[in-house]
Amino acid sequence: MKYQPCHCDGRADIRCDAEHCDLAGPGRPGNANECRVCWLRLNRPPPAPSERRRSAPCLFLGEVVDKRGCVCPARWIRICAVHKVCNVDQCKSCPDYEAI
């Protein structure tokens, strides 16, 4: 997650960490006692399973069989042990994904 400056920076009189912020609040305009940045960070819902992206290669993904005239490796067609063929973009949201 990209760091966003907030009201809590440099304050030793409050607790502000990954799990809690004493000033987390919706952040009404002009209210320095409510940190909207922390409130958004702590109240952000987890990504839906369909939105989760994987970075590790899939166990079932094999060699490239067609580059489709594209320079992007994520779009190249590869052998897939489960689905016969696949590309990296499809693989990253596949329910059968298993990391190497």
C-alpha atoms as a PDB file:
ATOM      1  CA  MET A   1       0.000   0.000   0.000  1.00  0.00           C
ATOM      2  CA  LYS A   2       1.319   3.442  -0.913  1.00  0.00           C
ATOM      3  CA  TYR A   3       2.102   5.638   2.072  1.00  0.00           C
ATOM      4  CA  GLN A   4      -0.227   8.604   2.525  1.00  0.00           C
ATOM      5  CA  PRO A   5       0.729  11.401   4.945  1.00  0.00           C
ATOM      6  CA  CYS A   6      -1.775  11.820   7.756  1.00  0.00           C
ATOM      7  CA  HIS A   7      -2.525  13.761  10.973  1.00  0.00           C
ATOM      8  CA  CYS A   8      -0.758  11.062  12.978  1.00  0.00           C
ATOM      9  CA  ASP A   9       2.713  11.595  11.518  1.00  0.00           C
ATOM     10  CA  GLY A  10       5.247  12.511  14.175  1.00  0.00           C
ATOM     11  CA  ARG A  11       2.828  12.278  17.094  1.00  0.00           C
ATOM     12  CA  ALA A  12       3.959  10.367  20.184  1.00  0.00           C
ATOM     13  CA  ASP A  13       0.780  11.022  22.198  1.00  0.00           C
ATOM     14  CA  ILE A  14      -1.399   8.651  20.141  1.00  0.00           C
ATOM     15  CA  ARG A  15      -1.290   5.094  18.871  1.00  0.00           C
ATOM     16  CA  CYS A  16      -1.239   4.745  15.092  1.00  0.00           C
ATOM     17  CA  ASP A  17      -0.146   1.462  13.503  1.00  0.00           C
ATOM     18  CA  ALA A  18      -1.338  -1.102  10.963  1.00  0.00           C
ATOM     19  CA  GLU A  19      -4.213  -2.319  13.178  1.00  0.00           C
ATOM     20  CA  HIS A  20      -5.332   0.810  15.025  1.00  0.00           C
ATOM     21  CA  CYS A  21      -5.314   4.597  14.973  1.00  0.00           C
ATOM     22  CA  ASP A  22      -6.561   6.761  17.846  1.00  0.00           C
ATOM     23  CA  LEU A  23      -7.508   9.506  15.391  1.00  0.00           C
ATOM     24  CA  ALA A  24      -9.158   7.379  12.690  1.00  0.00           C
ATOM     25  CA  GLY A  25     -12.429   9.048  11.804  1.00  0.00           C
ATOM     26  CA  PRO A  26     -14.450  10.037   8.757  1.00  0.00           C
ATOM     27  CA  GLY A  27     -12.581  13.341   8.746  1.00  0.00           C
ATOM     28  CA  ARG A  28     -14.979  16.238   8.887  1.00  0.00           C
ATOM     29  CA  PRO A  29     -13.503  19.337   7.195  1.00  0.00           C
ATOM     30  CA  GLY A  30     -11.301  21.328   9.541  1.00  0.00           C
ATOM     31  CA  ASN A  31     -11.212  18.661  12.242  1.00  0.00           C
ATOM     32  CA  ALA A  32      -7.573  17.819  12.964  1.00  0.00           C
ATOM     33  CA  ASN A  33      -8.667  15.233  15.545  1.00  0.00           C
ATOM     34  CA  GLU A  34     -10.021  12.852  12.889  1.00  0.00           C
ATOM     35  CA  CYS A  35      -7.614  11.303  10.426  1.00  0.00           C
ATOM     36  CA  ARG A  36      -9.457  10.372   7.238  1.00  0.00           C
ATOM     37  CA  VAL A  37      -6.357   8.711   5.745  1.00  0.00           C
ATOM     38  CA  CYS A  38      -6.172   6.237   8.637  1.00  0.00           C
ATOM     39  CA  TRP A  39      -9.966   5.785   8.686  1.00  0.00           C
ATOM     40  CA  LEU A  40      -9.955   4.810   4.995  1.00  0.00           C
ATOM     41  CA  ARG A  41      -6.957   2.514   5.489  1.00  0.00           C
ATOM     42  CA  LEU A  42      -8.533   0.710   8.460  1.00  0.00           C
ATOM     43  CA  ASN A  43     -12.049   0.490   6.971  1.00  0.00           C
ATOM     44  CA  ARG A  44     -11.143  -0.594   3.460  1.00  0.00           C
ATOM     45  CA  PRO A  45     -12.889  -3.873   2.658  1.00  0.00           C
ATOM     46  CA  PRO A  46     -10.639  -6.769   1.597  1.00  0.00           C
ATOM     47  CA  PRO A  47     -10.534  -7.364  -2.169  1.00  0.00           C
ATOM     48  CA  ALA A  48     -13.118  -9.780  -3.558  1.00  0.00           C
ATOM     49  CA  PRO A  49     -11.665 -13.137  -4.675  1.00  0.00           C
ATOM     50  CA  SER A  50     -12.135 -12.140  -8.313  1.00  0.00           C
ATOM     51  CA  GLU A  51     -10.064  -8.967  -7.708  1.00  0.00           C
ATOM     52  CA  ARG A  52      -7.102 -10.710  -6.062  1.00  0.00           C
ATOM     53  CA  ARG A  53      -4.053 -10.866  -8.278  1.00  0.00           C
ATOM     54  CA  ARG A  54      -1.221 -13.334  -7.895  1.00  0.00           C
ATOM     55  CA  SER A  55       2.402 -12.609  -8.587  1.00  0.00           C
ATOM     56  CA  ALA A  56       3.957 -16.089  -8.292  1.00  0.00           C
ATOM     57  CA  PRO A  57       3.884 -18.375 -11.356  1.00  0.00           C
ATOM     58  CA  CYS A  58       1.230 -21.100 -11.427  1.00  0.00           C
ATOM     59  CA  LEU A  59       2.259 -24.720 -11.055  1.00  0.00           C
ATOM     60  CA  PHE A  60       0.160 -25.695 -14.094  1.00  0.00           C
ATOM     61  CA  LEU A  61       1.391 -22.960 -16.463  1.00  0.00           C
ATOM     62  CA  GLY A  62       3.805 -24.235 -19.104  1.00  0.00           C
ATOM     63  CA  GLU A  63       5.758 -23.016 -22.118  1.00  0.00           C
ATOM     64  CA  VAL A  64       4.666 -20.346 -24.584  1.00  0.00           C
ATOM     65  CA  VAL A  65       2.938 -21.740 -27.690  1.00  0.00           C
ATOM     66  CA  ASP A  66       1.812 -18.491 -29.357  1.00  0.00           C
ATOM     67  CA  LYS A  67       2.997 -14.917 -28.810  1.00  0.00           C
ATOM     68  CA  ARG A  68       0.010 -13.608 -30.821  1.00  0.00           C
ATOM     69  CA  GLY A  69       2.220 -10.877 -32.281  1.00  0.00           C
ATOM     70  CA  CYS A  70       2.183  -9.122 -28.903  1.00  0.00           C
ATOM     71  CA  VAL A  71       5.164  -7.879 -26.883  1.00  0.00           C
ATOM     72  CA  CYS A  72       3.380  -8.427 -23.546  1.00  0.00           C
ATOM     73  CA  PRO A  73       4.251 -11.836 -21.998  1.00  0.00           C
ATOM     74  CA  ALA A  74       1.078 -11.739 -19.888  1.00  0.00           C
ATOM     75  CA  ARG A  75      -1.006 -12.122 -23.066  1.00  0.00           C
ATOM     76  CA  TRP A  76       1.008 -14.895 -24.685  1.00  0.00           C
ATOM     77  CA  ILE A  77      -0.780 -18.223 -24.967  1.00  0.00           C
ATOM     78  CA  ARG A  78       0.851 -20.914 -22.840  1.00  0.00           C
ATOM     79  CA  ILE A  79       0.263 -24.578 -22.199  1.00  0.00           C
ATOM     80  CA  CYS A  80      -1.843 -25.204 -19.094  1.00  0.00           C
ATOM     81  CA  ALA A  81      -1.969 -28.638 -17.477  1.00  0.00           C
ATOM     82  CA  VAL A  82      -5.555 -28.039 -16.336  1.00  0.00           C
ATOM     83  CA  HIS A  83      -7.153 -25.922 -19.086  1.00  0.00           C
ATOM     84  CA  LYS A  84      -4.990 -26.959 -22.076  1.00  0.00           C
ATOM     85  CA  VAL A  85      -4.099 -23.314 -22.879  1.00  0.00           C
ATOM     86  CA  CYS A  86      -4.080 -20.129 -20.840  1.00  0.00           C
ATOM     87  CA  ASN A  87      -2.309 -16.800 -20.527  1.00  0.00           C
ATOM     88  CA  VAL A  88      -0.789 -15.183 -17.437  1.00  0.00           C
ATOM     89  CA  ASP A  89      -3.626 -12.624 -17.130  1.00  0.00           C
ATOM     90  CA  GLN A  90      -6.223 -15.432 -17.051  1.00  0.00           C
ATOM     91  CA  CYS A  91      -4.077 -17.536 -14.739  1.00  0.00           C
ATOM     92  CA  LYS A  92      -3.860 -14.810 -12.091  1.00  0.00           C
ATOM     93  CA  SER A  93      -7.610 -14.973 -11.461  1.00  0.00           C
ATOM     94  CA  CYS A  94      -8.138 -18.705 -12.055  1.00  0.00           C
ATOM     95  CA  PRO A  95      -9.729 -20.719  -9.212  1.00  0.00           C
ATOM     96  CA  ASP A  96      -7.422 -23.658 -10.051  1.00  0.00           C
ATOM     97  CA  TYR A  97      -4.248 -21.599  -9.513  1.00  0.00           C
ATOM     98  CA  GLU A  98      -1.503 -23.178  -7.408  1.00  0.00           C
ATOM     99  CA  ALA A  99       1.752 -21.329  -6.797  1.00  0.00           C
ATOM    100  CA  ILE A 100       5.087 -22.974  -7.522  1.00  0.00           C
END
